[in-house]
Each structure stands twice: as C-alpha cells, then as structure tokens.
C-alpha cells in the first residue's frame, strides 16, 4: 500500500525520516550566488547497491597525486587567496576503476530522479544535453547501467555518470586553530564537503572568490565526485527544465534538515552580484 502525507504526496519512512516522492518543479525557492548538490535524496529509498567492489576516487589513488598530468593546475586571480583550481584531464580508462554499475529496487523505479547518485553523479540524457550546452567540453560523461537488485535484469542504460572537470581545492596557510581564532568558520544547514566550516566561511565572505565562482557554470570541490556546484543562472536553467533531483534545503540547522532535500545555498546575493547575474 502506498502511503501519502496530508498533501497527497507519496511518502516512504526510513530510520525515522520521511522521504517524499519528488514532483517536477520549475520553482527556485531562494536566490543565491551559487547552489551545491550535497547529498542524494533517494539513494536510501532505492536501496542502491554496487554491482562490483566500490573504489573511492581521490588524490591518494595511484596516478592521481597532486603532480599528476591528469590534474592540470590553472592560475586564479591573486586576491582569491588560498585556493587552487585544477582541470581534470583524463581518459575513460583512467576513470574506469571508480565507475560502477548499480542495482536498485525495481518496484520503486518511479522514484528515480533525473540527477542522482550511484558511485558518482548520474544524469539522464536531457540533463546531459543542457550541461553540454551551458559548459561545453568542461564535463566528462561515462556510460553506466541500472539493474534490478533482485533479478539482475537490466532496467536502464540511459544514465551517464557525470564528472565536472573543474576542481577547487582549499589550501590554507594558517592552522585550523588560527583561522578559528580569527572567526573564520561558519556553519551551514547541510552536510558534505561544502559544509566544512572553513570552506563555508570562504564561500560566504571571500568577495574575490565569490566573484570568481559566480562565473563558473559547474565545478566540484577537491576530490569529491558526487557533489557539484551550480551558478545562479545555471541552476535557474536546470529548474526551468523541470529536472528532478534538485530539491532545495529549507532547514536552518543540521538538526532539522529534511533528508529528501539535497540543494544548499551559498550567499544571499548582494546588489553588485545581482546586477552581474542579470547581464549573464
């Protein structure tokens, strides 16, 4: 029996949390300089399993160290400060160890979103087309398959793993204690790499960094390939298409966050940023 809440939405309760079946929405709830997808809203609902052993991607993997030719460093404006920009330059074979087909519950197939997480970010063809239109040649896409976890039958081969090639690394010169003593820490009401208190402070307060990030369509943080940031115009475009998998966070703290929400915000727009965005 399908359970519904008072608003008539299909709901599945897991570990005391309500997961709500997402309906396509064109609405952007809150204006921000950029948005981050920090979590997957339905992985637990779909009971995602990996077909093969899971291998974590990261700079400690052989051939992926900081001097690897697969990570090409690019200069940033000097006033951006303690940040490093890298562009991934690698072949499909280089990524092959980290890409994994998945198994899910077929009876909940209608819960699958246009953007979701398997071993990495997954997107349907329509999303891939928009990403390529907005950010040509700055993203990788790799084939993957979705199987029935009970029968092993193929459910879909339409998804592609998506890896944004731009990677931002925070390389502070001062110690954690020194930065915290200076008040350079900030909490945000969501989890994941973007919620790190030092980085969050930078995203909220480093004006030069904000100006730079506001001009990037898509980018990722350090070695995390399951999270992505979107500029304001890009997020509006994705929402205008009605893509699912982009549910904005409405919580005010970690303690009351909704587990079916997965989009965080950085920075209410200041006047100059609003004006710049209007001209994009």
Protein backbone atom coordinates (compact mmCIF):
# COMPACT_ATOMS: atom_id res chain seq x y z
CA UNK A 1 0.00 0.00 0.00
CA UNK A 2 1.31 3.43 -0.98
CA UNK A 3 1.44 5.85 1.92
CA UNK A 4 0.71 9.52 1.35
CA UNK A 5 1.05 12.59 3.54
CA UNK A 6 -1.62 15.21 4.15
CA UNK A 7 -0.63 16.94 0.92
CA UNK A 8 -1.26 13.77 -1.08
CA UNK A 9 2.45 13.14 -1.72
CA UNK A 10 3.82 9.62 -1.73
CA UNK A 11 6.00 9.07 1.34
CA UNK A 12 8.42 6.36 2.46
CA UNK A 13 9.65 6.43 6.07
CA UNK A 14 13.18 5.20 6.70
CA UNK A 15 15.00 5.32 10.04
CA UNK A 16 12.53 7.87 11.35
CA UNK A 17 12.87 10.20 8.35
CA UNK A 18 10.24 10.93 5.72
CA UNK A 19 11.29 10.71 2.07
CA UNK A 20 8.83 12.38 -0.29
CA UNK A 21 8.37 11.41 -3.93
CA UNK A 22 9.64 14.37 -5.91
CA UNK A 23 7.41 16.00 -8.46
CA UNK A 24 9.00 18.13 -11.23
CA UNK A 25 9.15 21.78 -10.18
CA UNK A 26 10.23 24.87 -12.08
CA UNK A 27 10.44 26.99 -8.93
CA UNK A 28 13.64 28.32 -7.39
CA UNK A 29 12.87 28.91 -3.72
CA UNK A 30 15.82 31.06 -2.75
CA UNK A 31 18.15 33.28 -4.75
CA UNK A 32 21.83 32.63 -4.08
CA UNK A 33 25.17 33.25 -5.76
CA UNK A 34 25.64 29.52 -6.26
CA UNK A 35 23.97 26.28 -5.27
CA UNK A 36 25.52 22.98 -4.22
CA UNK A 37 24.18 19.47 -4.55
CA UNK A 38 25.47 17.96 -1.34
CA UNK A 39 23.52 14.75 -0.92
CA UNK A 40 21.31 12.27 -2.75
CA UNK A 41 17.62 12.46 -1.97
CA UNK A 42 16.62 8.91 -2.91
CA UNK A 43 19.62 6.59 -2.59
CA UNK A 44 18.23 5.05 0.58
CA UNK A 45 14.77 4.74 -0.92
CA UNK A 46 16.13 2.89 -3.96
CA UNK A 47 18.42 0.77 -1.74
CA UNK A 48 21.28 1.34 -4.16
CA UNK A 49 23.88 -1.41 -4.33
CA UNK A 50 27.05 -1.54 -6.42
CA UNK A 51 27.49 -4.34 -8.92
CA UNK A 52 31.25 -4.59 -8.26
CA UNK A 53 33.50 -3.65 -5.36
CA UNK A 54 33.41 0.09 -4.72
CA UNK A 55 36.67 2.01 -5.18
CA UNK A 56 36.85 5.52 -3.73
CA UNK A 57 38.24 8.22 -6.02
CA UNK A 58 40.85 10.51 -4.52
CA UNK A 59 44.32 12.03 -4.82
CA UNK A 60 45.88 9.09 -2.98
CA UNK A 61 44.99 6.69 -5.76
CA UNK A 62 47.91 5.67 -7.94
CA UNK A 63 48.39 8.11 -10.79
CA UNK A 64 46.20 10.81 -9.23
CA UNK A 65 48.65 12.64 -6.92
CA UNK A 66 48.99 16.43 -6.96
CA UNK A 67 51.65 16.34 -9.67
CA UNK A 68 49.64 14.02 -11.92
CA UNK A 69 49.20 15.13 -15.56
CA UNK A 70 45.54 14.19 -15.08
CA UNK A 71 45.16 17.25 -12.80
CA UNK A 72 46.22 20.40 -14.64
CA UNK A 73 46.63 23.44 -12.43
CA UNK A 74 45.31 26.81 -13.60
CA UNK A 75 46.04 30.24 -12.20
CA UNK A 76 43.42 32.05 -10.11
CA UNK A 77 43.16 35.81 -9.52
CA UNK A 78 45.70 36.66 -6.81
CA UNK A 79 43.12 38.15 -4.45
CA UNK A 80 41.13 34.89 -4.38
CA UNK A 81 43.62 33.77 -1.75
CA UNK A 82 44.25 30.27 -0.51
CA UNK A 83 42.59 28.33 -3.30
CA UNK A 84 43.80 26.19 -6.19
CA UNK A 85 41.95 25.45 -9.44
CA UNK A 86 42.58 22.23 -11.33
CA UNK A 87 41.08 20.88 -14.53
CA UNK A 88 40.81 17.10 -14.78
CA UNK A 89 42.36 15.79 -17.99
CA UNK A 90 41.96 12.06 -18.13
CA UNK A 91 40.76 9.24 -20.37
CA UNK A 92 37.74 6.99 -19.75
CA UNK A 93 40.22 4.26 -18.92
CA UNK A 94 41.71 6.44 -16.17
CA UNK A 95 38.28 6.73 -14.52
CA UNK A 96 37.21 3.14 -15.11
CA UNK A 97 38.23 1.81 -11.65
CA UNK A 98 35.95 4.36 -9.94
CA UNK A 99 32.80 3.87 -12.05
CA UNK A 100 30.37 1.18 -11.04
CA UNK A 101 27.00 -0.02 -12.32
CA UNK A 102 24.27 -0.14 -9.69
CA UNK A 103 21.32 -2.27 -8.59
CA UNK A 104 18.08 -0.75 -7.26
CA UNK A 105 14.55 -1.72 -6.23
CA UNK A 106 12.53 -2.04 -9.42
CA UNK A 107 9.22 -1.53 -7.62
CA UNK A 108 10.40 2.00 -6.77
CA UNK A 109 11.70 2.84 -10.25
CA UNK A 110 9.26 5.78 -10.45
CA UNK A 111 11.28 7.41 -7.65
CA UNK A 112 14.42 7.67 -9.80
CA UNK A 113 15.36 11.30 -10.44
CA UNK A 114 16.94 13.00 -13.46
CA UNK A 115 20.04 13.73 -11.38
CA UNK A 116 21.01 11.25 -8.67
CA UNK A 117 23.99 9.45 -7.22
CA UNK A 118 25.31 5.99 -7.97
CA UNK A 119 29.03 5.57 -7.48
CA UNK A 120 29.21 9.12 -8.89
CA UNK A 121 26.69 11.70 -10.12
CA UNK A 122 24.24 10.21 -12.64
CA UNK A 123 22.23 12.21 -15.20
CA UNK A 124 19.59 11.37 -17.77
CA UNK A 125 20.11 12.35 -21.45
CA UNK A 126 18.11 15.60 -21.24
CA UNK A 127 20.24 16.82 -18.32
CA UNK A 128 23.45 15.84 -20.12
CA UNK A 129 22.36 17.87 -23.15
CA UNK A 130 21.80 21.02 -21.08
CA UNK A 131 25.12 20.60 -19.23
CA UNK A 132 26.97 20.30 -22.53
CA UNK A 133 25.15 23.34 -23.90
CA UNK A 134 25.97 25.50 -20.89
CA UNK A 135 29.53 24.31 -20.27
CA UNK A 136 30.99 22.85 -23.43
CA UNK A 137 33.96 20.48 -23.06
CA UNK A 138 34.28 21.03 -19.29
CA UNK A 139 32.49 17.87 -18.17
CA UNK A 140 33.03 14.14 -18.59
CA UNK A 141 30.23 11.62 -19.16
CA UNK A 142 30.63 7.86 -18.82
CA UNK A 143 28.14 5.07 -19.64
CA UNK A 144 26.63 3.12 -16.76
CA UNK A 145 23.76 0.70 -16.19
CA UNK A 146 21.00 0.23 -13.65
CA UNK A 147 19.92 -3.33 -12.79
CA UNK A 148 17.13 -4.91 -10.77
CA UNK A 149 18.68 -5.79 -7.42
CA UNK A 150 16.54 -8.94 -7.07
CA UNK A 151 16.57 -10.44 -10.58
CA UNK A 152 19.71 -8.89 -12.02
CA UNK A 153 17.78 -7.79 -15.11
CA UNK A 154 18.77 -4.55 -16.86
CA UNK A 155 16.38 -1.71 -16.00
CA UNK A 156 18.07 1.18 -17.78
CA UNK A 157 21.20 2.14 -19.69
CA UNK A 158 20.11 5.74 -20.31
CA UNK A 159 22.03 7.32 -17.42
CA UNK A 160 25.56 8.65 -17.71
CA UNK A 161 28.00 9.29 -14.90
CA UNK A 162 28.83 12.99 -14.83
CA UNK A 163 32.18 14.36 -13.65
CA UNK A 164 32.64 18.16 -13.70
CA UNK A 165 36.25 18.74 -14.74
CA UNK A 166 36.81 21.93 -12.70
CA UNK A 167 38.01 21.16 -9.17
CA UNK A 168 38.56 23.75 -6.44
CA UNK A 169 40.97 22.95 -3.60
CA UNK A 170 41.33 24.95 -0.39
CA UNK A 171 44.98 25.18 0.72
CA UNK A 172 45.10 27.42 3.84
CA UNK A 173 48.45 28.67 5.05
CA UNK A 174 47.31 29.18 8.64
CA UNK A 175 46.46 26.39 11.02
CA UNK A 176 42.89 25.40 11.75
CA UNK A 177 43.17 26.89 15.25
CA UNK A 178 44.49 30.20 13.93
CA UNK A 179 41.65 30.53 11.44
CA UNK A 180 39.06 29.61 14.03
CA UNK A 181 40.57 32.10 16.49
CA UNK A 182 40.10 34.74 13.77
CA UNK A 183 36.44 33.75 13.48
CA UNK A 184 36.89 32.21 10.04
CA UNK A 185 34.43 29.39 10.46
CA UNK A 186 30.79 29.20 9.53
CA UNK A 187 28.15 26.50 9.82
CA UNK A 188 25.57 25.75 7.16
CA UNK A 189 22.38 23.63 7.48
CA UNK A 190 23.55 20.72 5.35
CA UNK A 191 26.24 18.05 5.14
CA UNK A 192 29.04 17.03 2.79
CA UNK A 193 32.30 18.63 1.58
CA UNK A 194 30.70 22.03 1.01
CA UNK A 195 29.65 22.18 4.68
CA UNK A 196 33.21 22.24 6.02
CA UNK A 197 33.26 25.24 8.40
CA UNK A 198 36.42 26.80 6.98
CA UNK A 199 35.37 26.46 3.35
CA UNK A 200 31.86 27.65 4.19
CA UNK A 201 33.31 30.83 5.67
CA UNK A 202 35.27 31.40 2.47
CA UNK A 203 32.19 30.86 0.31
CA UNK A 204 30.22 33.35 2.37
CA UNK A 205 32.87 36.02 3.00
CA UNK A 206 35.68 35.91 0.43
CA UNK A 207 34.47 38.54 -2.08
CA UNK A 208 37.10 37.74 -4.73
CA UNK A 209 36.36 34.03 -4.51
CA UNK A 210 32.62 34.69 -4.76
CA UNK A 211 33.12 36.82 -7.86
CA UNK A 212 35.19 34.08 -9.48
CA UNK A 213 32.78 31.25 -8.57
CA UNK A 214 29.77 33.25 -9.76
CA UNK A 215 31.13 32.99 -13.30
CA UNK A 216 31.62 29.20 -13.33
CA UNK A 217 28.77 27.11 -14.69
CA UNK A 218 29.69 23.89 -12.83
CA UNK A 219 32.53 22.93 -10.52
CA UNK A 220 33.41 20.38 -7.88
CA UNK A 221 35.22 20.57 -4.58
CA UNK A 222 38.55 18.75 -4.16
CA UNK A 223 38.33 15.04 -4.93
CA UNK A 224 34.62 14.58 -4.25
CA UNK A 225 32.95 13.47 -7.50
CA UNK A 226 29.47 13.01 -6.03
CA UNK A 227 28.86 16.69 -5.25
CA UNK A 228 28.63 19.65 -7.60
CA UNK A 229 28.09 23.42 -7.53
CA UNK A 230 25.89 25.39 -9.94
CA UNK A 231 25.99 29.11 -10.68
CA UNK A 232 22.77 31.09 -10.20
CA UNK A 233 21.86 31.28 -13.92
CA UNK A 234 22.68 27.60 -14.44
CA UNK A 235 20.54 26.48 -11.50
CA UNK A 236 17.64 28.57 -12.81
CA UNK A 237 18.04 26.93 -16.22
CA UNK A 238 18.06 23.41 -14.78
CA UNK A 239 14.97 24.17 -12.71
CA UNK A 240 13.23 25.74 -15.72
CA UNK A 241 13.56 22.39 -17.48
CA UNK A 242 11.74 20.69 -14.59
CA UNK A 243 14.58 18.29 -13.82
CA UNK A 244 14.22 16.25 -10.65
CA UNK A 245 16.99 15.66 -8.12
CA UNK A 246 17.34 19.35 -7.20
CA UNK A 247 15.34 19.86 -4.00
CA UNK A 248 16.37 22.99 -2.11
CA UNK A 249 17.22 22.85 1.57
CA UNK A 250 14.78 24.78 3.76
CA UNK A 251 16.34 23.96 7.14
CA UNK A 252 18.06 26.42 9.44
CA UNK A 253 20.42 23.90 11.04
CA UNK A 254 21.75 20.35 10.80
CA UNK A 255 19.29 19.20 13.42
CA UNK A 256 16.17 19.96 11.39
CA UNK A 257 17.28 19.27 7.84
CA UNK A 258 14.96 17.26 5.62
CA UNK A 259 16.56 14.14 4.22
CA UNK A 260 14.78 14.35 0.86
CA UNK A 261 16.31 17.80 0.23
CA UNK A 262 19.75 17.99 -1.36
CA UNK A 263 20.49 21.51 -2.61
CA UNK A 264 22.30 24.01 -0.37
CA UNK A 265 22.75 27.75 -0.89
CA UNK A 266 25.76 29.98 -0.56
CA UNK A 267 25.35 33.66 -0.09
CA UNK A 268 22.23 35.74 -0.41
CA UNK A 269 23.05 37.94 -3.37
CA UNK A 270 24.48 41.36 -2.68
CA UNK A 271 23.49 44.22 -5.01
CA UNK A 272 26.57 44.02 -7.25
CA UNK A 273 26.16 40.27 -7.69
CA UNK A 274 22.50 40.65 -8.62
CA UNK A 275 23.43 43.21 -11.26
CA UNK A 276 26.18 40.99 -12.68
CA UNK A 277 23.88 37.99 -12.91
CA UNK A 278 21.26 39.99 -14.76
CA UNK A 279 23.81 40.54 -17.51
CA UNK A 280 24.80 36.89 -17.91
